[in-house]
């Protein structure tokens, strides 16, 4: 992995963690979030309120697509440390378009 790839991955990871933290705050705390553009992998670890151990989620084979007005993220494969969550992610996330904020699309395409 080149120096530039590492910097890109760190920048996307930091921005992604900040963005997702605002959505997850009422459910728990994000302990770890990383994006690896070279392998198209997103990894996160979240400690949900009321839980004793964190949930780990890995999304692989992601692609940014859609249009400038309606950018989308698609994930080819999901894995989770809890069976119930993995089943739900396969049904509702795997291979399905996930809407992204339009302002984020140009930056994400450059970085990812």
PDB file of N, CA and C in Angstrom:
ATOM      1  N   UNK A   1       0.849  -1.168   0.000  1.00  0.00           N
ATOM      2  CA  UNK A   1       0.000   0.000   0.000  1.00  0.00           C
ATOM      3  C   UNK A   1       0.899   1.237   0.000  1.00  0.00           C
ATOM      4  N   UNK A   2       0.592   2.178  -0.870  1.00  0.00           N
ATOM      5  CA  UNK A   2       1.395   3.383  -0.980  1.00  0.00           C
ATOM      6  C   UNK A   2       1.059   4.361   0.141  1.00  0.00           C
ATOM      7  N   UNK A   3       1.943   5.319   0.305  1.00  0.00           N
ATOM      8  CA  UNK A   3       1.733   6.368   1.296  1.00  0.00           C
ATOM      9  C   UNK A   3       0.438   7.119   1.014  1.00  0.00           C
ATOM     10  N   UNK A   4       0.185   7.432  -0.256  1.00  0.00           N
ATOM     11  CA  UNK A   4      -1.031   8.151  -0.640  1.00  0.00           C
ATOM     12  C   UNK A   4      -2.288   7.336  -0.319  1.00  0.00           C
ATOM     13  N   UNK A   5      -2.254   6.031  -0.559  1.00  0.00           N
ATOM     14  CA  UNK A   5      -3.389   5.165  -0.227  1.00  0.00           C
ATOM     15  C   UNK A   5      -3.681   5.173   1.271  1.00  0.00           C
ATOM     16  N   UNK A   6      -2.616   5.153   2.080  1.00  0.00           N
ATOM     17  CA  UNK A   6      -2.801   5.184   3.543  1.00  0.00           C
ATOM     18  C   UNK A   6      -3.431   6.505   3.979  1.00  0.00           C
ATOM     19  N   UNK A   7      -2.961   7.606   3.393  1.00  0.00           N
ATOM     20  CA  UNK A   7      -3.505   8.920   3.740  1.00  0.00           C
ATOM     21  C   UNK A   7      -4.982   9.003   3.331  1.00  0.00           C
ATOM     22  N   UNK A   8      -5.295   8.512   2.128  1.00  0.00           N
ATOM     23  CA  UNK A   8      -6.685   8.520   1.665  1.00  0.00           C
ATOM     24  C   UNK A   8      -7.569   7.704   2.605  1.00  0.00           C
ATOM     25  N   UNK A   9      -7.106   6.532   2.966  1.00  0.00           N
ATOM     26  CA  UNK A   9      -7.868   5.670   3.870  1.00  0.00           C
ATOM     27  C   UNK A   9      -8.097   6.312   5.223  1.00  0.00           C
ATOM     28  N   UNK A  10      -7.076   6.981   5.754  1.00  0.00           N
ATOM     29  CA  UNK A  10      -7.198   7.646   7.045  1.00  0.00           C
ATOM     30  C   UNK A  10      -8.171   8.818   6.964  1.00  0.00           C
ATOM     31  N   UNK A  11      -8.120   9.578   5.860  1.00  0.00           N
ATOM     32  CA  UNK A  11      -9.022  10.723   5.693  1.00  0.00           C
ATOM     33  C   UNK A  11     -10.467  10.262   5.598  1.00  0.00           C
ATOM     34  N   UNK A  12     -10.721   9.236   4.807  1.00  0.00           N
ATOM     35  CA  UNK A  12     -12.082   8.721   4.659  1.00  0.00           C
ATOM     36  C   UNK A  12     -12.565   8.122   5.974  1.00  0.00           C
ATOM     37  N   UNK A  13     -11.698   7.418   6.672  1.00  0.00           N
ATOM     38  CA  UNK A  13     -12.071   6.822   7.956  1.00  0.00           C
ATOM     39  C   UNK A  13     -12.473   7.892   8.967  1.00  0.00           C
ATOM     40  N   UNK A  14     -11.690   8.965   9.055  1.00  0.00           N
ATOM     41  CA  UNK A  14     -11.980  10.039  10.007  1.00  0.00           C
ATOM     42  C   UNK A  14     -13.297  10.728   9.653  1.00  0.00           C
ATOM     43  N   UNK A  15     -13.493  11.030   8.372  1.00  0.00           N
ATOM     44  CA  UNK A  15     -14.731  11.696   7.946  1.00  0.00           C
ATOM     45  C   UNK A  15     -15.938  10.781   8.152  1.00  0.00           C
ATOM     46  N   UNK A  16     -15.788   9.514   7.811  1.00  0.00           N
ATOM     47  CA  UNK A  16     -16.876   8.555   7.982  1.00  0.00           C
ATOM     48  C   UNK A  16     -17.256   8.369   9.433  1.00  0.00           C
ATOM     49  N   UNK A  17     -16.261   8.292  10.301  1.00  0.00           N
ATOM     50  CA  UNK A  17     -16.534   8.125  11.733  1.00  0.00           C
ATOM     51  C   UNK A  17     -17.297   9.337  12.263  1.00  0.00           C
ATOM     52  N   UNK A  18     -16.871  10.522  11.888  1.00  0.00           N
ATOM     53  CA  UNK A  18     -17.554  11.738  12.345  1.00  0.00           C
ATOM     54  C   UNK A  18     -18.992  11.783  11.845  1.00  0.00           C
ATOM     55  N   UNK A  19     -19.200  11.442  10.574  1.00  0.00           N
ATOM     56  CA  UNK A  19     -20.534  11.451   9.982  1.00  0.00           C
ATOM     57  C   UNK A  19     -21.443  10.426  10.659  1.00  0.00           C
ATOM     58  N   UNK A  20     -20.957   9.195  10.827  1.00  0.00           N
ATOM     59  CA  UNK A  20     -21.781   8.134  11.402  1.00  0.00           C
ATOM     60  C   UNK A  20     -22.010   8.308  12.897  1.00  0.00           C
ATOM     61  N   UNK A  21     -21.044   8.901  13.596  1.00  0.00           N
ATOM     62  CA  UNK A  21     -21.207   9.143  15.033  1.00  0.00           C
ATOM     63  C   UNK A  21     -22.475   9.940  15.321  1.00  0.00           C
ATOM     64  N   UNK A  22     -22.768  10.912  14.476  1.00  0.00           N
ATOM     65  CA  UNK A  22     -23.952  11.748  14.715  1.00  0.00           C
ATOM     66  C   UNK A  22     -25.240  10.927  14.609  1.00  0.00           C
ATOM     67  N   UNK A  23     -25.255   9.908  13.742  1.00  0.00           N
ATOM     68  CA  UNK A  23     -26.441   9.065  13.601  1.00  0.00           C
ATOM     69  C   UNK A  23     -26.533   8.002  14.693  1.00  0.00           C
ATOM     70  N   UNK A  24     -25.399   7.534  15.171  1.00  0.00           N
ATOM     71  CA  UNK A  24     -25.385   6.430  16.125  1.00  0.00           C
ATOM     72  C   UNK A  24     -25.396   6.870  17.580  1.00  0.00           C
ATOM     73  N   UNK A  25     -25.220   8.142  17.828  1.00  0.00           N
ATOM     74  CA  UNK A  25     -25.071   8.654  19.185  1.00  0.00           C
ATOM     75  C   UNK A  25     -26.177   8.186  20.128  1.00  0.00           C
ATOM     76  N   UNK A  26     -27.421   8.163  19.655  1.00  0.00           N
ATOM     77  CA  UNK A  26     -28.522   7.781  20.545  1.00  0.00           C
ATOM     78  C   UNK A  26     -28.591   6.271  20.782  1.00  0.00           C
ATOM     79  N   UNK A  27     -27.868   5.492  19.969  1.00  0.00           N
ATOM     80  CA  UNK A  27     -27.880   4.029  20.114  1.00  0.00           C
ATOM     81  C   UNK A  27     -26.655   3.487  20.840  1.00  0.00           C
ATOM     82  N   UNK A  28     -25.543   4.234  20.782  1.00  0.00           N
ATOM     83  CA  UNK A  28     -24.326   3.745  21.394  1.00  0.00           C
ATOM     84  C   UNK A  28     -23.124   4.557  20.951  1.00  0.00           C
ATOM     85  N   UNK A  29     -21.946   3.946  21.079  1.00  0.00           N
ATOM     86  CA  UNK A  29     -20.684   4.610  20.792  1.00  0.00           C
ATOM     87  C   UNK A  29     -19.905   3.835  19.738  1.00  0.00           C
ATOM     88  N   UNK A  30     -19.434   4.551  18.727  1.00  0.00           N
ATOM     89  CA  UNK A  30     -18.594   3.908  17.719  1.00  0.00           C
ATOM     90  C   UNK A  30     -17.168   3.848  18.270  1.00  0.00           C
ATOM     91  N   UNK A  31     -16.651   2.648  18.398  1.00  0.00           N
ATOM     92  CA  UNK A  31     -15.318   2.455  18.945  1.00  0.00           C
ATOM     93  C   UNK A  31     -14.243   2.485  17.861  1.00  0.00           C
ATOM     94  N   UNK A  32     -14.602   2.009  16.677  1.00  0.00           N
ATOM     95  CA  UNK A  32     -13.626   1.915  15.603  1.00  0.00           C
ATOM     96  C   UNK A  32     -14.348   2.042  14.272  1.00  0.00           C
ATOM     97  N   UNK A  33     -13.729   2.726  13.331  1.00  0.00           N
ATOM     98  CA  UNK A  33     -14.262   2.839  11.978  1.00  0.00           C
ATOM     99  C   UNK A  33     -13.084   3.004  11.046  1.00  0.00           C
ATOM    100  N   UNK A  34     -12.993   2.132  10.056  1.00  0.00           N
ATOM    101  CA  UNK A  34     -11.899   2.272   9.091  1.00  0.00           C
ATOM    102  C   UNK A  34     -12.378   1.898   7.698  1.00  0.00           C
ATOM    103  N   UNK A  35     -11.794   2.583   6.728  1.00  0.00           N
ATOM    104  CA  UNK A  35     -12.074   2.328   5.324  1.00  0.00           C
ATOM    105  C   UNK A  35     -10.749   1.984   4.666  1.00  0.00           C
ATOM    106  N   UNK A  36     -10.741   0.897   3.913  1.00  0.00           N
ATOM    107  CA  UNK A  36      -9.545   0.461   3.198  1.00  0.00           C
ATOM    108  C   UNK A  36      -9.859   0.471   1.701  1.00  0.00           C
ATOM    109  N   UNK A  37      -9.582   1.621   1.035  1.00  0.00           N
ATOM    110  CA  UNK A  37      -9.933   1.758  -0.380  1.00  0.00           C
ATOM    111  C   UNK A  37      -9.305   0.690  -1.282  1.00  0.00           C
ATOM    112  N   UNK A  38      -8.108   0.244  -0.952  1.00  0.00           N
ATOM    113  CA  UNK A  38      -7.431  -0.737  -1.813  1.00  0.00           C
ATOM    114  C   UNK A  38      -8.133  -2.090  -1.839  1.00  0.00           C
ATOM    115  N   UNK A  39      -8.844  -2.432  -0.755  1.00  0.00           N
ATOM    116  CA  UNK A  39      -9.587  -3.699  -0.716  1.00  0.00           C
ATOM    117  C   UNK A  39     -11.098  -3.476  -0.734  1.00  0.00           C
ATOM    118  N   UNK A  40     -11.509  -2.199  -0.829  1.00  0.00           N
ATOM    119  CA  UNK A  40     -12.940  -1.838  -0.855  1.00  0.00           C
ATOM    120  C   UNK A  40     -13.662  -2.420   0.361  1.00  0.00           C
ATOM    121  N   UNK A  41     -13.059  -2.210   1.542  1.00  0.00           N
ATOM    122  CA  UNK A  41     -13.590  -2.755   2.787  1.00  0.00           C
ATOM    123  C   UNK A  41     -13.847  -1.642   3.801  1.00  0.00           C
ATOM    124  N   UNK A  42     -14.987  -1.726   4.468  1.00  0.00           N
ATOM    125  CA  UNK A  42     -15.333  -0.824   5.565  1.00  0.00           C
ATOM    126  C   UNK A  42     -15.507  -1.693   6.810  1.00  0.00           C
ATOM    127  N   UNK A  43     -14.876  -1.293   7.900  1.00  0.00           N
ATOM    128  CA  UNK A  43     -14.955  -2.034   9.151  1.00  0.00           C
ATOM    129  C   UNK A  43     -15.409  -1.070  10.251  1.00  0.00           C
ATOM    130  N   UNK A  44     -16.342  -1.509  11.068  1.00  0.00           N
ATOM    131  CA  UNK A  44     -16.750  -0.696  12.213  1.00  0.00           C
ATOM    132  C   UNK A  44     -17.015  -1.579  13.433  1.00  0.00           C
ATOM    133  N   UNK A  45     -16.828  -0.975  14.568  1.00  0.00           N
ATOM    134  CA  UNK A  45     -17.071  -1.643  15.844  1.00  0.00           C
ATOM    135  C   UNK A  45     -17.877  -0.669  16.696  1.00  0.00           C
ATOM    136  N   UNK A  46     -19.054  -1.104  17.158  1.00  0.00           N
ATOM    137  CA  UNK A  46     -19.976  -0.223  17.870  1.00  0.00           C
ATOM    138  C   UNK A  46     -20.389  -0.879  19.181  1.00  0.00           C
ATOM    139  N   UNK A  47     -20.329  -0.107  20.250  1.00  0.00           N
ATOM    140  CA  UNK A  47     -20.827  -0.576  21.540  1.00  0.00           C
ATOM    141  C   UNK A  47     -22.204   0.041  21.742  1.00  0.00           C
ATOM    142  N   UNK A  48     -23.234  -0.801  21.627  1.00  0.00           N
ATOM    143  CA  UNK A  48     -24.610  -0.332  21.774  1.00  0.00           C
ATOM    144  C   UNK A  48     -24.953  -0.160  23.249  1.00  0.00           C
ATOM    145  N   UNK A  49     -25.815   0.797  23.539  1.00  0.00           N
ATOM    146  CA  UNK A  49     -26.245   1.028  24.912  1.00  0.00           C
ATOM    147  C   UNK A  49     -26.905  -0.244  25.448  1.00  0.00           C
ATOM    148  N   UNK A  50     -26.544  -0.609  26.663  1.00  0.00           N
ATOM    149  CA  UNK A  50     -27.109  -1.791  27.291  1.00  0.00           C
ATOM    150  C   UNK A  50     -26.382  -3.085  26.962  1.00  0.00           C
ATOM    151  N   UNK A  51     -25.442  -3.040  26.040  1.00  0.00           N
ATOM    152  CA  UNK A  51     -24.669  -4.233  25.662  1.00  0.00           C
ATOM    153  C   UNK A  51     -23.338  -4.254  26.411  1.00  0.00           C
ATOM    154  N   UNK A  52     -22.838  -5.443  26.659  1.00  0.00           N
ATOM    155  CA  UNK A  52     -21.561  -5.570  27.352  1.00  0.00           C
ATOM    156  C   UNK A  52     -20.377  -5.649  26.400  1.00  0.00           C
ATOM    157  N   UNK A  53     -20.616  -6.133  25.186  1.00  0.00           N
ATOM    158  CA  UNK A  53     -19.524  -6.246  24.227  1.00  0.00           C
ATOM    159  C   UNK A  53     -19.935  -5.595  22.908  1.00  0.00           C
ATOM    160  N   UNK A  54     -18.941  -5.080  22.170  1.00  0.00           N
ATOM    161  CA  UNK A  54     -19.251  -4.366  20.930  1.00  0.00           C
ATOM    162  C   UNK A  54     -19.677  -5.295  19.791  1.00  0.00           C
ATOM    163  N   UNK A  55     -20.386  -4.713  18.850  1.00  0.00           N
ATOM    164  CA  UNK A  55     -20.769  -5.393  17.617  1.00  0.00           C
ATOM    165  C   UNK A  55     -19.768  -4.993  16.547  1.00  0.00           C
ATOM    166  N   UNK A  56     -19.316  -5.971  15.787  1.00  0.00           N
ATOM    167  CA  UNK A  56     -18.360  -5.717  14.710  1.00  0.00           C
ATOM    168  C   UNK A  56     -19.049  -5.979  13.376  1.00  0.00           C
ATOM    169  N   UNK A  57     -18.871  -5.041  12.438  1.00  0.00           N
ATOM    170  CA  UNK A  57     -19.478  -5.168  11.119  1.00  0.00           C
ATOM    171  C   UNK A  57     -18.409  -4.916  10.065  1.00  0.00           C
ATOM    172  N   UNK A  58     -18.365  -5.786   9.057  1.00  0.00           N
ATOM    173  CA  UNK A  58     -17.451  -5.621   7.927  1.00  0.00           C
ATOM    174  C   UNK A  58     -18.258  -5.606   6.641  1.00  0.00           C
ATOM    175  N   UNK A  59     -18.044  -4.578   5.833  1.00  0.00           N
ATOM    176  CA  UNK A  59     -18.695  -4.440   4.535  1.00  0.00           C
ATOM    177  C   UNK A  59     -17.612  -4.515   3.469  1.00  0.00           C
ATOM    178  N   UNK A  60     -17.722  -5.456   2.542  1.00  0.00           N
ATOM    179  CA  UNK A  60     -16.694  -5.606   1.520  1.00  0.00           C
ATOM    180  C   UNK A  60     -17.281  -5.441   0.128  1.00  0.00           C
ATOM    181  N   UNK A  61     -16.415  -5.020  -0.773  1.00  0.00           N
ATOM    182  CA  UNK A  61     -16.821  -4.853  -2.161  1.00  0.00           C
ATOM    183  C   UNK A  61     -17.745  -3.677  -2.372  1.00  0.00           C
ATOM    184  N   UNK A  62     -17.486  -2.567  -1.669  1.00  0.00           N
ATOM    185  CA  UNK A  62     -18.369  -1.413  -1.829  1.00  0.00           C
ATOM    186  C   UNK A  62     -18.079  -0.677  -3.136  1.00  0.00           C
ATOM    187  N   UNK A  63     -19.102  -0.008  -3.654  1.00  0.00           N
ATOM    188  CA  UNK A  63     -18.996   0.815  -4.853  1.00  0.00           C
ATOM    189  C   UNK A  63     -19.827   2.069  -4.650  1.00  0.00           C
ATOM    190  N   UNK A  64     -19.317   3.196  -5.123  1.00  0.00           N
ATOM    191  CA  UNK A  64     -20.068   4.449  -5.125  1.00  0.00           C
ATOM    192  C   UNK A  64     -20.629   4.612  -6.524  1.00  0.00           C
ATOM    193  N   UNK A  65     -21.931   4.852  -6.640  1.00  0.00           N
ATOM    194  CA  UNK A  65     -22.565   4.994  -7.942  1.00  0.00           C
ATOM    195  C   UNK A  65     -23.734   5.958  -7.875  1.00  0.00           C
ATOM    196  N   UNK A  66     -24.702   5.737  -8.724  1.00  0.00           N
ATOM    197  CA  UNK A  66     -25.856   6.622  -8.788  1.00  0.00           C
ATOM    198  C   UNK A  66     -25.541   7.839  -9.634  1.00  0.00           C
ATOM    199  N   UNK A  67     -26.202   8.941  -9.336  1.00  0.00           N
ATOM    200  CA  UNK A  67     -25.994  10.190 -10.067  1.00  0.00           C
ATOM    201  C   UNK A  67     -25.474  11.245  -9.107  1.00  0.00           C
ATOM    202  N   UNK A  68     -25.078  12.403  -9.660  1.00  0.00           N
ATOM    203  CA  UNK A  68     -24.604  13.496  -8.814  1.00  0.00           C
ATOM    204  C   UNK A  68     -25.711  13.968  -7.871  1.00  0.00           C
ATOM    205  N   UNK A  69     -26.935  13.946  -8.364  1.00  0.00           N
ATOM    206  CA  UNK A  69     -28.068  14.382  -7.545  1.00  0.00           C
ATOM    207  C   UNK A  69     -28.495  13.328  -6.531  1.00  0.00           C
ATOM    208  N   UNK A  70     -28.224  12.059  -6.835  1.00  0.00           N
ATOM    209  CA  UNK A  70     -28.638  10.965  -5.946  1.00  0.00           C
ATOM    210  C   UNK A  70     -27.545   9.891  -5.898  1.00  0.00           C
ATOM    211  N   UNK A  71     -26.434  10.197  -5.212  1.00  0.00           N
ATOM    212  CA  UNK A  71     -25.351   9.219  -5.107  1.00  0.00           C
ATOM    213  C   UNK A  71     -25.755   8.043  -4.217  1.00  0.00           C
ATOM    214  N   UNK A  72     -25.180   6.884  -4.518  1.00  0.00           N
ATOM    215  CA  UNK A  72     -25.505   5.667  -3.768  1.00  0.00           C
ATOM    216  C   UNK A  72     -24.247   4.878  -3.430  1.00  0.00           C
ATOM    217  N   UNK A  73     -24.339   4.151  -2.357  1.00  0.00           N
ATOM    218  CA  UNK A  73     -23.323   3.190  -1.957  1.00  0.00           C
ATOM    219  C   UNK A  73     -23.952   1.813  -2.087  1.00  0.00           C
ATOM    220  N   UNK A  74     -23.221   0.885  -2.676  1.00  0.00           N
ATOM    221  CA  UNK A  74     -23.654  -0.522  -2.718  1.00  0.00           C
ATOM    222  C   UNK A  74     -22.547  -1.373  -2.119  1.00  0.00           C
ATOM    223  N   UNK A  75     -22.965  -2.377  -1.379  1.00  0.00           N
ATOM    224  CA  UNK A  75     -22.026  -3.277  -0.715  1.00  0.00           C
ATOM    225  C   UNK A  75     -22.275  -4.692  -1.220  1.00  0.00           C
ATOM    226  N   UNK A  76     -21.210  -5.358  -1.659  1.00  0.00           N
ATOM    227  CA  UNK A  76     -21.345  -6.705  -2.212  1.00  0.00           C
ATOM    228  C   UNK A  76     -21.534  -7.771  -1.133  1.00  0.00           C
ATOM    229  N   UNK A  77     -20.852  -7.595   0.021  1.00  0.00           N
ATOM    230  CA  UNK A  77     -20.907  -8.639   1.047  1.00  0.00           C
ATOM    231  C   UNK A  77     -20.838  -7.999   2.431  1.00  0.00           C
ATOM    232  N   UNK A  78     -21.613  -8.548   3.352  1.00  0.00           N
ATOM    233  CA  UNK A  78     -21.627  -8.064   4.730  1.00  0.00           C
ATOM    234  C   UNK A  78     -21.290  -9.208   5.680  1.00  0.00           C
ATOM    235  N   UNK A  79     -20.725  -8.841   6.814  1.00  0.00           N
ATOM    236  CA  UNK A  79     -20.467  -9.804   7.887  1.00  0.00           C
ATOM    237  C   UNK A  79     -20.629  -9.052   9.205  1.00  0.00           C
ATOM    238  N   UNK A  80     -21.147  -9.734  10.221  1.00  0.00           N
ATOM    239  CA  UNK A  80     -21.338  -9.115  11.535  1.00  0.00           C
ATOM    240  C   UNK A  80     -21.041 -10.135  12.623  1.00  0.00           C
ATOM    241  N   UNK A  81     -20.693  -9.619  13.789  1.00  0.00           N
ATOM    242  CA  UNK A  81     -20.353 -10.494  14.910  1.00  0.00           C
ATOM    243  C   UNK A  81     -21.585 -11.055  15.621  1.00  0.00           C
ATOM    244  N   UNK A  82     -22.768 -10.578  15.250  1.00  0.00           N
ATOM    245  CA  UNK A  82     -24.017 -11.120  15.793  1.00  0.00           C
ATOM    246  C   UNK A  82     -24.827 -11.689  14.634  1.00  0.00           C
ATOM    247  N   UNK A  83     -25.275 -12.927  14.787  1.00  0.00           N
ATOM    248  CA  UNK A  83     -25.995 -13.600  13.708  1.00  0.00           C
ATOM    249  C   UNK A  83     -27.233 -12.830  13.273  1.00  0.00           C
ATOM    250  N   UNK A  84     -28.023 -12.342  14.230  1.00  0.00           N
ATOM    251  CA  UNK A  84     -29.253 -11.622  13.887  1.00  0.00           C
ATOM    252  C   UNK A  84     -28.958 -10.386  13.055  1.00  0.00           C
ATOM    253  N   UNK A  85     -27.864  -9.699  13.376  1.00  0.00           N
ATOM    254  CA  UNK A  85     -27.502  -8.492  12.640  1.00  0.00           C
ATOM    255  C   UNK A  85     -27.015  -8.832  11.235  1.00  0.00           C
ATOM    256  N   UNK A  86     -26.242  -9.888  11.117  1.00  0.00           N
ATOM    257  CA  UNK A  86     -25.765 -10.301   9.798  1.00  0.00           C
ATOM    258  C   UNK A  86     -26.929 -10.677   8.881  1.00  0.00           C
ATOM    259  N   UNK A  87     -27.917 -11.379   9.425  1.00  0.00           N
ATOM    260  CA  UNK A  87     -29.106 -11.739   8.643  1.00  0.00           C
ATOM    261  C   UNK A  87     -29.830 -10.475   8.184  1.00  0.00           C
ATOM    262  N   UNK A  88     -30.011  -9.518   9.080  1.00  0.00           N
ATOM    263  CA  UNK A  88     -30.686  -8.262   8.722  1.00  0.00           C
ATOM    264  C   UNK A  88     -29.878  -7.475   7.687  1.00  0.00           C
ATOM    265  N   UNK A  89     -28.575  -7.400   7.849  1.00  0.00           N
ATOM    266  CA  UNK A  89     -27.735  -6.678   6.886  1.00  0.00           C
ATOM    267  C   UNK A  89     -27.775  -7.340   5.507  1.00  0.00           C
ATOM    268  N   UNK A  90     -27.797  -8.653   5.488  1.00  0.00           N
ATOM    269  CA  UNK A  90     -27.898  -9.339   4.188  1.00  0.00           C
ATOM    270  C   UNK A  90     -29.219  -9.013   3.496  1.00  0.00           C
ATOM    271  N   UNK A  91     -30.280  -8.935   4.276  1.00  0.00           N
ATOM    272  CA  UNK A  91     -31.594  -8.672   3.691  1.00  0.00           C
ATOM    273  C   UNK A  91     -31.767  -7.212   3.268  1.00  0.00           C
ATOM    274  N   UNK A  92     -31.272  -6.282   4.080  1.00  0.00           N
ATOM    275  CA  UNK A  92     -31.571  -4.869   3.844  1.00  0.00           C
ATOM    276  C   UNK A  92     -30.413  -4.047   3.277  1.00  0.00           C
ATOM    277  N   UNK A  93     -29.183  -4.559   3.303  1.00  0.00           N
ATOM    278  CA  UNK A  93     -28.023  -3.773   2.860  1.00  0.00           C
ATOM    279  C   UNK A  93     -27.286  -4.421   1.701  1.00  0.00           C
ATOM    280  N   UNK A  94     -26.985  -5.696   1.814  1.00  0.00           N
ATOM    281  CA  UNK A  94     -26.161  -6.379   0.813  1.00  0.00           C
ATOM    282  C   UNK A  94     -26.772  -6.267  -0.588  1.00  0.00           C
ATOM    283  N   UNK A  95     -26.026  -5.636  -1.497  1.00  0.00           N
ATOM    284  CA  UNK A  95     -26.460  -5.502  -2.877  1.00  0.00           C
ATOM    285  C   UNK A  95     -27.521  -4.453  -3.132  1.00  0.00           C
ATOM    286  N   UNK A  96     -27.935  -3.754  -2.080  1.00  0.00           N
ATOM    287  CA  UNK A  96     -28.997  -2.750  -2.214  1.00  0.00           C
ATOM    288  C   UNK A  96     -28.375  -1.347  -2.227  1.00  0.00           C
ATOM    289  N   UNK A  97     -29.007  -0.400  -2.936  1.00  0.00           N
ATOM    290  CA  UNK A  97     -28.487   0.971  -2.929  1.00  0.00           C
ATOM    291  C   UNK A  97     -28.759   1.658  -1.593  1.00  0.00           C
ATOM    292  N   UNK A  98     -27.749   2.340  -1.079  1.00  0.00           N
ATOM    293  CA  UNK A  98     -27.870   3.125   0.144  1.00  0.00           C
ATOM    294  C   UNK A  98     -27.654   4.577  -0.261  1.00  0.00           C
ATOM    295  N   UNK A  99     -28.660   5.416  -0.071  1.00  0.00           N
ATOM    296  CA  UNK A  99     -28.549   6.817  -0.451  1.00  0.00           C
ATOM    297  C   UNK A  99     -27.485   7.526   0.372  1.00  0.00           C
ATOM    298  N   UNK A 100     -26.689   8.340  -0.313  1.00  0.00           N
ATOM    299  CA  UNK A 100     -25.663   9.156   0.328  1.00  0.00           C
ATOM    300  C   UNK A 100     -26.039  10.629   0.179  1.00  0.00           C
ATOM    301  N   UNK A 101     -25.541  11.480   1.069  1.00  0.00           N
ATOM    302  CA  UNK A 101     -25.810  12.912   0.910  1.00  0.00           C
ATOM    303  C   UNK A 101     -25.184  13.409  -0.397  1.00  0.00           C
ATOM    304  N   UNK A 102     -25.927  14.146  -1.219  1.00  0.00           N
ATOM    305  CA  UNK A 102     -25.402  14.618  -2.514  1.00  0.00           C
ATOM    306  C   UNK A 102     -24.091  15.396  -2.405  1.00  0.00           C
ATOM    307  N   UNK A 103     -23.923  16.172  -1.339  1.00  0.00           N
ATOM    308  CA  UNK A 103     -22.696  16.960  -1.176  1.00  0.00           C
ATOM    309  C   UNK A 103     -21.477  16.084  -0.918  1.00  0.00           C
ATOM    310  N   UNK A 104     -21.688  14.875  -0.432  1.00  0.00           N
ATOM    311  CA  UNK A 104     -20.572  13.992  -0.104  1.00  0.00           C
ATOM    312  C   UNK A 104     -20.059  13.203  -1.304  1.00  0.00           C
ATOM    313  N   UNK A 105     -20.871  13.034  -2.319  1.00  0.00           N
ATOM    314  CA  UNK A 105     -20.528  12.168  -3.451  1.00  0.00           C
ATOM    315  C   UNK A 105     -19.231  12.539  -4.155  1.00  0.00           C
ATOM    316  N   UNK A 106     -19.009  13.812  -4.535  1.00  0.00           N
ATOM    317  CA  UNK A 106     -17.761  14.120  -5.242  1.00  0.00           C
ATOM    318  C   UNK A 106     -16.518  13.808  -4.428  1.00  0.00           C
ATOM    319  N   UNK A 107     -16.554  14.112  -3.147  1.00  0.00           N
ATOM    320  CA  UNK A 107     -15.409  13.837  -2.282  1.00  0.00           C
ATOM    321  C   UNK A 107     -15.193  12.336  -2.130  1.00  0.00           C
ATOM    322  N   UNK A 108     -16.275  11.590  -1.930  1.00  0.00           N
ATOM    323  CA  UNK A 108     -16.160  10.145  -1.764  1.00  0.00           C
ATOM    324  C   UNK A 108     -15.593   9.491  -3.021  1.00  0.00           C
ATOM    325  N   UNK A 109     -16.031   9.919  -4.187  1.00  0.00           N
ATOM    326  CA  UNK A 109     -15.524   9.334  -5.433  1.00  0.00           C
ATOM    327  C   UNK A 109     -14.033   9.588  -5.594  1.00  0.00           C
ATOM    328  N   UNK A 110     -13.573  10.768  -5.165  1.00  0.00           N
ATOM    329  CA  UNK A 110     -12.152  11.066  -5.241  1.00  0.00           C
ATOM    330  C   UNK A 110     -11.338  10.199  -4.273  1.00  0.00           C
ATOM    331  N   UNK A 111     -11.859  10.040  -3.066  1.00  0.00           N
ATOM    332  CA  UNK A 111     -11.123   9.338  -2.033  1.00  0.00           C
ATOM    333  C   UNK A 111     -11.245   7.825  -2.124  1.00  0.00           C
ATOM    334  N   UNK A 112     -12.367   7.334  -2.611  1.00  0.00           N
ATOM    335  CA  UNK A 112     -12.593   5.897  -2.631  1.00  0.00           C
ATOM    336  C   UNK A 112     -12.310   5.348  -3.995  1.00  0.00           C
TER     337      UNK A 112
END
